[in-house]
Amino acid sequence: MFPPGAAHSRYVGPVKPPSWSYAEQYVVEDAVLADARARAAEVGVTPIGAGGGAALRFLASVLDARAVVEIGTGTGVSGLWLLRGMRADGVLTTVDIETEHQRLARQSFTEAGYANQRARTISGAALEVLPRLTDGHYDLVFCDGDKREYSAYLAEALRLLRPGGVVAFDNALWHDRVADPAQRDEETVAIRDLGREVADHDGLVQLLLPVGDGLLLAKKEWSPDGEVRV
């Protein structure tokens, strides 16, 4: 629906596949990222796409991020994008239950020239590790772990983020299943419920980007009286 008097001809409709592909390939990945993706394929990991990765780098850069948490290390694809946007003295804390994946991620970080202290890998279940991290210390939290735990990740992220910090969730469209109300599998429902939870939260400014498989962003806001709204 358009408001009365709106210029209907300006609405061009949804992005078509050729334009989506063009946007995804707009930022070209280098050999280091290609190698990290190859490792992911070898161990059966599906990393964030190039468009989503570029969005993460942009976010980290805009936030001037010094401290970032990543849930789901994989083989380091998203970690590389995050590190490329962070400050030169920034530290990425990345959590994954698979130690072999983290070994491959560290290999990717080393190949990219990052010192060991720039990426802190913690092996373990996210909901056991996150409570041990410092409240209000982080600029950005990126979630790409168990989709059924996304709501719990949001609660932890709101505790971990500084005011003005951002939480990002990959797979927010979940292979076109979230938009289809007939899809009722556990993971789809969990992601759909997360979207509603974020949209209904008074302390968050939200944005759903249709890059890759969907990237849901939420900024932790201040209230008018200067208090943090969580």
C-alpha atoms as a PDB file:
ATOM      1  CA  MET A   1       0.000   0.000   0.000  1.00  0.00           C
ATOM      2  CA  PHE A   2       1.153   3.520  -0.817  1.00  0.00           C
ATOM      3  CA  PRO A   3      -0.004   6.664   1.006  1.00  0.00           C
ATOM      4  CA  PRO A   4      -2.301   9.013  -0.926  1.00  0.00           C
ATOM      5  CA  GLY A   5      -0.395  10.980  -3.512  1.00  0.00           C
ATOM      6  CA  ALA A   6       2.663   8.719  -3.356  1.00  0.00           C
ATOM      7  CA  ALA A   7       4.659   8.259  -6.557  1.00  0.00           C
ATOM      8  CA  HIS A   8       3.792   4.626  -7.274  1.00  0.00           C
ATOM      9  CA  SER A   9       6.142   4.478 -10.237  1.00  0.00           C
ATOM     10  CA  ARG A  10       9.140   4.848  -7.944  1.00  0.00           C
ATOM     11  CA  TYR A  11       8.543   1.446  -6.371  1.00  0.00           C
ATOM     12  CA  VAL A  12      10.625  -1.050  -8.317  1.00  0.00           C
ATOM     13  CA  GLY A  13       9.752  -4.211  -6.415  1.00  0.00           C
ATOM     14  CA  PRO A  14      12.020  -6.812  -4.790  1.00  0.00           C
ATOM     15  CA  VAL A  15      15.626  -7.355  -5.758  1.00  0.00           C
ATOM     16  CA  LYS A  16      15.864  -9.892  -8.558  1.00  0.00           C
ATOM     17  CA  PRO A  17      18.448 -12.728  -8.572  1.00  0.00           C
ATOM     18  CA  PRO A  18      20.935 -11.019 -10.942  1.00  0.00           C
ATOM     19  CA  SER A  19      21.012  -7.896  -8.754  1.00  0.00           C
ATOM     20  CA  TRP A  20      21.278  -9.996  -5.586  1.00  0.00           C
ATOM     21  CA  SER A  21      24.252 -11.868  -7.074  1.00  0.00           C
ATOM     22  CA  TYR A  22      25.847  -8.598  -8.160  1.00  0.00           C
ATOM     23  CA  ALA A  23      25.512  -7.200  -4.631  1.00  0.00           C
ATOM     24  CA  GLU A  24      26.896 -10.385  -3.057  1.00  0.00           C
ATOM     25  CA  GLN A  25      29.959 -10.228  -5.299  1.00  0.00           C
ATOM     26  CA  TYR A  26      30.455  -6.475  -4.997  1.00  0.00           C
ATOM     27  CA  VAL A  27      33.173  -6.923  -2.381  1.00  0.00           C
ATOM     28  CA  VAL A  28      35.657  -9.405  -3.822  1.00  0.00           C
ATOM     29  CA  GLU A  29      37.154 -11.949  -1.439  1.00  0.00           C
ATOM     30  CA  ASP A  30      40.897 -12.558  -1.561  1.00  0.00           C
ATOM     31  CA  ALA A  31      42.921 -15.773  -1.469  1.00  0.00           C
ATOM     32  CA  VAL A  32      42.992 -15.907   2.348  1.00  0.00           C
ATOM     33  CA  LEU A  33      39.208 -15.902   2.538  1.00  0.00           C
ATOM     34  CA  ALA A  34      39.026 -18.388  -0.342  1.00  0.00           C
ATOM     35  CA  ASP A  35      41.305 -20.757   1.572  1.00  0.00           C
ATOM     36  CA  ALA A  36      39.194 -20.376   4.724  1.00  0.00           C
ATOM     37  CA  ARG A  37      36.094 -21.209   2.686  1.00  0.00           C
ATOM     38  CA  ALA A  38      37.825 -24.265   1.221  1.00  0.00           C
ATOM     39  CA  ARG A  39      38.583 -25.504   4.750  1.00  0.00           C
ATOM     40  CA  ALA A  40      34.942 -24.938   5.676  1.00  0.00           C
ATOM     41  CA  ALA A  41      33.813 -27.079   2.754  1.00  0.00           C
ATOM     42  CA  GLU A  42      36.199 -29.845   3.812  1.00  0.00           C
ATOM     43  CA  VAL A  43      34.729 -30.080   7.316  1.00  0.00           C
ATOM     44  CA  GLY A  44      31.096 -29.432   6.344  1.00  0.00           C
ATOM     45  CA  VAL A  45      30.782 -25.901   7.712  1.00  0.00           C
ATOM     46  CA  THR A  46      28.637 -23.285   5.955  1.00  0.00           C
ATOM     47  CA  PRO A  47      30.198 -19.849   6.607  1.00  0.00           C
ATOM     48  CA  ILE A  48      28.596 -16.466   6.137  1.00  0.00           C
ATOM     49  CA  GLY A  49      28.425 -15.294   2.530  1.00  0.00           C
ATOM     50  CA  ALA A  50      30.551 -12.542   1.047  1.00  0.00           C
ATOM     51  CA  GLY A  51      27.767  -9.961   1.319  1.00  0.00           C
ATOM     52  CA  GLY A  52      27.145 -10.733   4.978  1.00  0.00           C
ATOM     53  CA  GLY A  53      30.865 -10.799   5.671  1.00  0.00           C
ATOM     54  CA  ALA A  54      31.297  -7.379   4.103  1.00  0.00           C
ATOM     55  CA  ALA A  55      28.424  -6.113   6.254  1.00  0.00           C
ATOM     56  CA  LEU A  56      30.195  -7.413   9.370  1.00  0.00           C
ATOM     57  CA  ARG A  57      33.416  -5.659   8.399  1.00  0.00           C
ATOM     58  CA  PHE A  58      31.490  -2.447   7.776  1.00  0.00           C
ATOM     59  CA  LEU A  59      29.778  -2.713  11.167  1.00  0.00           C
ATOM     60  CA  ALA A  60      33.037  -3.370  13.008  1.00  0.00           C
ATOM     61  CA  SER A  61      34.611  -0.398  11.241  1.00  0.00           C
ATOM     62  CA  VAL A  62      31.712   1.999  11.903  1.00  0.00           C
ATOM     63  CA  LEU A  63      31.661   0.956  15.571  1.00  0.00           C
ATOM     64  CA  ASP A  64      35.452   1.384  15.762  1.00  0.00           C
ATOM     65  CA  ALA A  65      35.248  -1.997  17.434  1.00  0.00           C
ATOM     66  CA  ARG A  66      37.934  -2.933  19.928  1.00  0.00           C
ATOM     67  CA  ALA A  67      36.181  -5.955  21.465  1.00  0.00           C
ATOM     68  CA  VAL A  68      33.978  -8.363  19.510  1.00  0.00           C
ATOM     69  CA  VAL A  69      32.351 -11.670  20.436  1.00  0.00           C
ATOM     70  CA  GLU A  70      31.630 -14.283  17.806  1.00  0.00           C
ATOM     71  CA  ILE A  71      29.412 -17.312  18.434  1.00  0.00           C
ATOM     72  CA  GLY A  72      30.342 -19.957  15.888  1.00  0.00           C
ATOM     73  CA  THR A  73      33.996 -19.777  14.853  1.00  0.00           C
ATOM     74  CA  GLY A  74      33.762 -22.154  11.908  1.00  0.00           C
ATOM     75  CA  THR A  75      37.015 -22.064   9.969  1.00  0.00           C
ATOM     76  CA  GLY A  76      37.503 -18.327  10.378  1.00  0.00           C
ATOM     77  CA  VAL A  77      35.619 -16.792   7.451  1.00  0.00           C
ATOM     78  CA  SER A  78      33.428 -14.458   9.505  1.00  0.00           C
ATOM     79  CA  GLY A  79      36.285 -13.901  11.946  1.00  0.00           C
ATOM     80  CA  LEU A  80      38.488 -12.627   9.113  1.00  0.00           C
ATOM     81  CA  TRP A  81      35.789 -10.204   8.008  1.00  0.00           C
ATOM     82  CA  LEU A  82      35.346  -8.957  11.587  1.00  0.00           C
ATOM     83  CA  LEU A  83      39.080  -8.551  12.203  1.00  0.00           C
ATOM     84  CA  ARG A  84      39.438  -6.572   8.986  1.00  0.00           C
ATOM     85  CA  GLY A  85      36.924  -4.032  10.261  1.00  0.00           C
ATOM     86  CA  MET A  86      38.159  -3.809  13.849  1.00  0.00           C
ATOM     87  CA  ARG A  87      40.739  -1.454  15.296  1.00  0.00           C
ATOM     88  CA  ALA A  88      44.356  -2.459  14.962  1.00  0.00           C
ATOM     89  CA  ASP A  89      44.437  -3.177  18.697  1.00  0.00           C
ATOM     90  CA  GLY A  90      41.063  -4.961  18.712  1.00  0.00           C
ATOM     91  CA  VAL A  91      40.520  -8.466  20.048  1.00  0.00           C
ATOM     92  CA  LEU A  92      38.067 -10.985  18.634  1.00  0.00           C
ATOM     93  CA  THR A  93      36.738 -13.517  21.140  1.00  0.00           C
ATOM     94  CA  THR A  94      35.326 -16.430  19.184  1.00  0.00           C
ATOM     95  CA  VAL A  95      33.459 -19.397  20.652  1.00  0.00           C
ATOM     96  CA  ASP A  96      32.832 -22.800  19.092  1.00  0.00           C
ATOM     97  CA  ILE A  97      32.155 -26.269  20.393  1.00  0.00           C
ATOM     98  CA  GLU A  98      34.366 -27.850  17.701  1.00  0.00           C
ATOM     99  CA  THR A  99      38.076 -27.605  18.571  1.00  0.00           C
ATOM    100  CA  GLU A 100      39.130 -28.797  15.112  1.00  0.00           C
ATOM    101  CA  HIS A 101      37.210 -25.962  13.494  1.00  0.00           C
ATOM    102  CA  GLN A 102      38.962 -23.496  15.760  1.00  0.00           C
ATOM    103  CA  ARG A 103      42.347 -24.945  14.842  1.00  0.00           C
ATOM    104  CA  LEU A 104      41.547 -24.312  11.192  1.00  0.00           C
ATOM    105  CA  ALA A 105      40.322 -20.807  12.031  1.00  0.00           C
ATOM    106  CA  ARG A 106      43.583 -19.999  13.797  1.00  0.00           C
ATOM    107  CA  GLN A 107      45.387 -21.172  10.661  1.00  0.00           C
ATOM    108  CA  SER A 108      43.271 -18.742   8.635  1.00  0.00           C
ATOM    109  CA  PHE A 109      44.017 -15.878  11.017  1.00  0.00           C
ATOM    110  CA  THR A 110      47.748 -16.609  10.911  1.00  0.00           C
ATOM    111  CA  GLU A 111      47.757 -16.716   7.120  1.00  0.00           C
ATOM    112  CA  ALA A 112      46.048 -13.317   7.124  1.00  0.00           C
ATOM    113  CA  GLY A 113      48.864 -11.912   9.253  1.00  0.00           C
ATOM    114  CA  TYR A 114      47.005 -11.449  12.532  1.00  0.00           C
ATOM    115  CA  ALA A 115      48.996 -11.866  15.733  1.00  0.00           C
ATOM    116  CA  ASN A 116      47.832 -14.597  18.100  1.00  0.00           C
ATOM    117  CA  GLN A 117      46.621 -12.076  20.668  1.00  0.00           C
ATOM    118  CA  ARG A 118      44.163 -10.533  18.168  1.00  0.00           C
ATOM    119  CA  ALA A 119      41.933 -13.624  18.192  1.00  0.00           C
ATOM    120  CA  ARG A 120      41.020 -15.432  21.405  1.00  0.00           C
ATOM    121  CA  THR A 121      39.445 -18.815  20.658  1.00  0.00           C
ATOM    122  CA  ILE A 122      37.374 -20.449  23.395  1.00  0.00           C
ATOM    123  CA  SER A 123      36.204 -24.013  22.944  1.00  0.00           C
ATOM    124  CA  GLY A 124      32.867 -24.867  24.487  1.00  0.00           C
ATOM    125  CA  ALA A 125      29.096 -24.489  24.261  1.00  0.00           C
ATOM    126  CA  ALA A 126      28.157 -20.839  23.783  1.00  0.00           C
ATOM    127  CA  LEU A 127      25.643 -20.703  26.623  1.00  0.00           C
ATOM    128  CA  GLU A 128      28.293 -22.039  29.010  1.00  0.00           C
ATOM    129  CA  VAL A 129      31.039 -19.676  27.803  1.00  0.00           C
ATOM    130  CA  LEU A 130      29.147 -16.401  27.370  1.00  0.00           C
ATOM    131  CA  PRO A 131      28.179 -15.989  31.065  1.00  0.00           C
ATOM    132  CA  ARG A 132      31.906 -15.888  31.881  1.00  0.00           C
ATOM    133  CA  LEU A 133      32.515 -12.848  29.664  1.00  0.00           C
ATOM    134  CA  THR A 134      32.520  -9.281  31.015  1.00  0.00           C
ATOM    135  CA  ASP A 135      29.301  -7.254  31.164  1.00  0.00           C
ATOM    136  CA  GLY A 136      29.118  -4.143  28.968  1.00  0.00           C
ATOM    137  CA  HIS A 137      32.581  -4.687  27.497  1.00  0.00           C
ATOM    138  CA  TYR A 138      31.881  -5.478  23.848  1.00  0.00           C
ATOM    139  CA  ASP A 139      31.124  -3.366  20.797  1.00  0.00           C
ATOM    140  CA  LEU A 140      29.693  -6.117  18.603  1.00  0.00           C
ATOM    141  CA  VAL A 141      28.343  -9.628  19.117  1.00  0.00           C
ATOM    142  CA  PHE A 142      27.935 -11.840  16.055  1.00  0.00           C
ATOM    143  CA  CYS A 143      25.758 -14.946  16.398  1.00  0.00           C
ATOM    144  CA  ASP A 144      26.040 -17.875  14.002  1.00  0.00           C
ATOM    145  CA  GLY A 145      25.587 -20.838  16.300  1.00  0.00           C
ATOM    146  CA  ASP A 146      22.673 -23.127  17.142  1.00  0.00           C
ATOM    147  CA  LYS A 147      19.582 -21.403  15.714  1.00  0.00           C
ATOM    148  CA  ARG A 148      17.412 -22.865  18.477  1.00  0.00           C
ATOM    149  CA  GLU A 149      19.475 -20.862  20.988  1.00  0.00           C
ATOM    150  CA  TYR A 150      19.215 -17.502  19.227  1.00  0.00           C
ATOM    151  CA  SER A 151      16.852 -15.996  21.808  1.00  0.00           C
ATOM    152  CA  ALA A 152      19.244 -16.999  24.606  1.00  0.00           C
ATOM    153  CA  TYR A 153      22.136 -15.478  22.623  1.00  0.00           C
ATOM    154  CA  LEU A 154      20.197 -12.218  22.427  1.00  0.00           C
ATOM    155  CA  ALA A 155      19.814 -12.105  26.204  1.00  0.00           C
ATOM    156  CA  GLU A 156      23.536 -12.696  26.676  1.00  0.00           C
ATOM    157  CA  ALA A 157      24.432 -10.150  23.987  1.00  0.00           C
ATOM    158  CA  LEU A 158      22.388  -7.420  25.670  1.00  0.00           C
ATOM    159  CA  ARG A 159      24.388  -8.016  28.831  1.00  0.00           C
ATOM    160  CA  LEU A 160      27.730  -8.101  27.047  1.00  0.00           C
ATOM    161  CA  LEU A 161      27.261  -5.063  24.798  1.00  0.00           C
ATOM    162  CA  ARG A 162      28.157  -1.508  25.706  1.00  0.00           C
ATOM    163  CA  PRO A 163      25.492   1.149  25.071  1.00  0.00           C
ATOM    164  CA  GLY A 164      25.438   1.711  21.321  1.00  0.00           C
ATOM    165  CA  GLY A 165      26.815  -1.758  20.652  1.00  0.00           C
ATOM    166  CA  VAL A 166      25.273  -4.040  18.050  1.00  0.00           C
ATOM    167  CA  VAL A 167      24.243  -7.690  17.981  1.00  0.00           C
ATOM    168  CA  ALA A 168      24.058  -9.436  14.592  1.00  0.00           C
ATOM    169  CA  PHE A 169      22.391 -12.749  13.749  1.00  0.00           C
ATOM    170  CA  ASP A 170      23.242 -14.685  10.586  1.00  0.00           C
ATOM    171  CA  ASN A 171      20.681 -16.855   8.736  1.00  0.00           C
ATOM    172  CA  ALA A 172      17.855 -14.520   9.736  1.00  0.00           C
ATOM    173  CA  LEU A 173      15.907 -15.566   6.625  1.00  0.00           C
ATOM    174  CA  TRP A 174      16.913 -19.243   6.958  1.00  0.00           C
ATOM    175  CA  HIS A 175      16.803 -20.366   3.338  1.00  0.00           C
ATOM    176  CA  ASP A 176      13.528 -18.477   2.672  1.00  0.00           C
ATOM    177  CA  ARG A 177      11.747 -20.496   5.371  1.00  0.00           C
ATOM    178  CA  VAL A 178      11.221 -17.705   7.930  1.00  0.00           C
ATOM    179  CA  ALA A 179       8.954 -15.737   5.574  1.00  0.00           C
ATOM    180  CA  ASP A 180       6.775 -18.793   4.916  1.00  0.00           C
ATOM    181  CA  PRO A 181       4.302 -19.287   7.804  1.00  0.00           C
ATOM    182  CA  ALA A 182       3.762 -22.886   6.707  1.00  0.00           C
ATOM    183  CA  GLN A 183       7.334 -23.729   7.749  1.00  0.00           C
ATOM    184  CA  ARG A 184       7.166 -24.832  11.388  1.00  0.00           C
ATOM    185  CA  ASP A 185      10.395 -26.754  12.031  1.00  0.00           C
ATOM    186  CA  GLU A 186      12.165 -25.960  15.282  1.00  0.00           C
ATOM    187  CA  GLU A 187      14.977 -23.849  13.824  1.00  0.00           C
ATOM    188  CA  THR A 188      12.700 -21.790  11.582  1.00  0.00           C
ATOM    189  CA  VAL A 189      10.295 -21.080  14.431  1.00  0.00           C
ATOM    190  CA  ALA A 190      13.184 -20.069  16.709  1.00  0.00           C
ATOM    191  CA  ILE A 191      14.531 -17.580  14.147  1.00  0.00           C
ATOM    192  CA  ARG A 192      11.042 -16.238  13.430  1.00  0.00           C
ATOM    193  CA  ASP A 193      10.419 -15.787  17.168  1.00  0.00           C
ATOM    194  CA  LEU A 194      13.758 -14.006  17.523  1.00  0.00           C
ATOM    195  CA  GLY A 195      12.739 -11.537  14.837  1.00  0.00           C
ATOM    196  CA  ARG A 196       9.534 -10.743  16.709  1.00  0.00           C
ATOM    197  CA  GLU A 197      11.403 -10.446  20.013  1.00  0.00           C
ATOM    198  CA  VAL A 198      13.892  -7.978  18.561  1.00  0.00           C
ATOM    199  CA  ALA A 199      11.148  -5.978  16.821  1.00  0.00           C
ATOM    200  CA  ASP A 200       9.122  -5.723  20.047  1.00  0.00           C
ATOM    201  CA  HIS A 201      12.081  -4.721  22.239  1.00  0.00           C
ATOM    202  CA  ASP A 202      11.872  -1.036  23.227  1.00  0.00           C
ATOM    203  CA  GLY A 203      15.603  -0.870  23.921  1.00  0.00           C
ATOM    204  CA  LEU A 204      16.721  -1.935  20.452  1.00  0.00           C
ATOM    205  CA  VAL A 205      16.956  -0.289  17.056  1.00  0.00           C
ATOM    206  CA  GLN A 206      16.577  -3.139  14.576  1.00  0.00           C
ATOM    207  CA  LEU A 207      17.314  -3.783  10.921  1.00  0.00           C
ATOM    208  CA  LEU A 208      16.907  -6.905   8.797  1.00  0.00           C
ATOM    209  CA  LEU A 209      19.300  -6.947   5.852  1.00  0.00           C
ATOM    210  CA  PRO A 210      18.515  -9.320   2.949  1.00  0.00           C
ATOM    211  CA  VAL A 211      22.193 -10.101   2.356  1.00  0.00           C
ATOM    212  CA  GLY A 212      23.268 -13.711   2.055  1.00  0.00           C
ATOM    213  CA  ASP A 213      20.804 -15.763   4.101  1.00  0.00           C
ATOM    214  CA  GLY A 214      19.651 -12.688   6.022  1.00  0.00           C
ATOM    215  CA  LEU A 215      21.452 -10.618   8.664  1.00  0.00           C
ATOM    216  CA  LEU A 216      19.394  -9.324  11.603  1.00  0.00           C
ATOM    217  CA  LEU A 217      20.966  -6.357  13.400  1.00  0.00           C
ATOM    218  CA  ALA A 218      19.965  -4.699  16.670  1.00  0.00           C
ATOM    219  CA  LYS A 219      21.600  -1.723  18.360  1.00  0.00           C
ATOM    220  CA  LYS A 220      21.478  -1.438  22.144  1.00  0.00           C
ATOM    221  CA  GLU A 221      19.930   1.963  22.832  1.00  0.00           C
ATOM    222  CA  TRP A 222      20.027   4.617  25.520  1.00  0.00           C
ATOM    223  CA  SER A 223      16.732   5.780  27.015  1.00  0.00           C
ATOM    224  CA  PRO A 224      15.785   9.515  26.965  1.00  0.00           C
ATOM    225  CA  ASP A 225      16.954   9.863  30.572  1.00  0.00           C
ATOM    226  CA  GLY A 226      20.423   8.606  29.664  1.00  0.00           C
ATOM    227  CA  GLU A 227      20.025   5.131  31.100  1.00  0.00           C
ATOM    228  CA  VAL A 228      20.823   2.024  29.094  1.00  0.00           C
ATOM    229  CA  ARG A 229      17.649   0.380  27.792  1.00  0.00           C
ATOM    230  CA  VAL A 230      17.879  -3.411  28.051  1.00  0.00           C
END
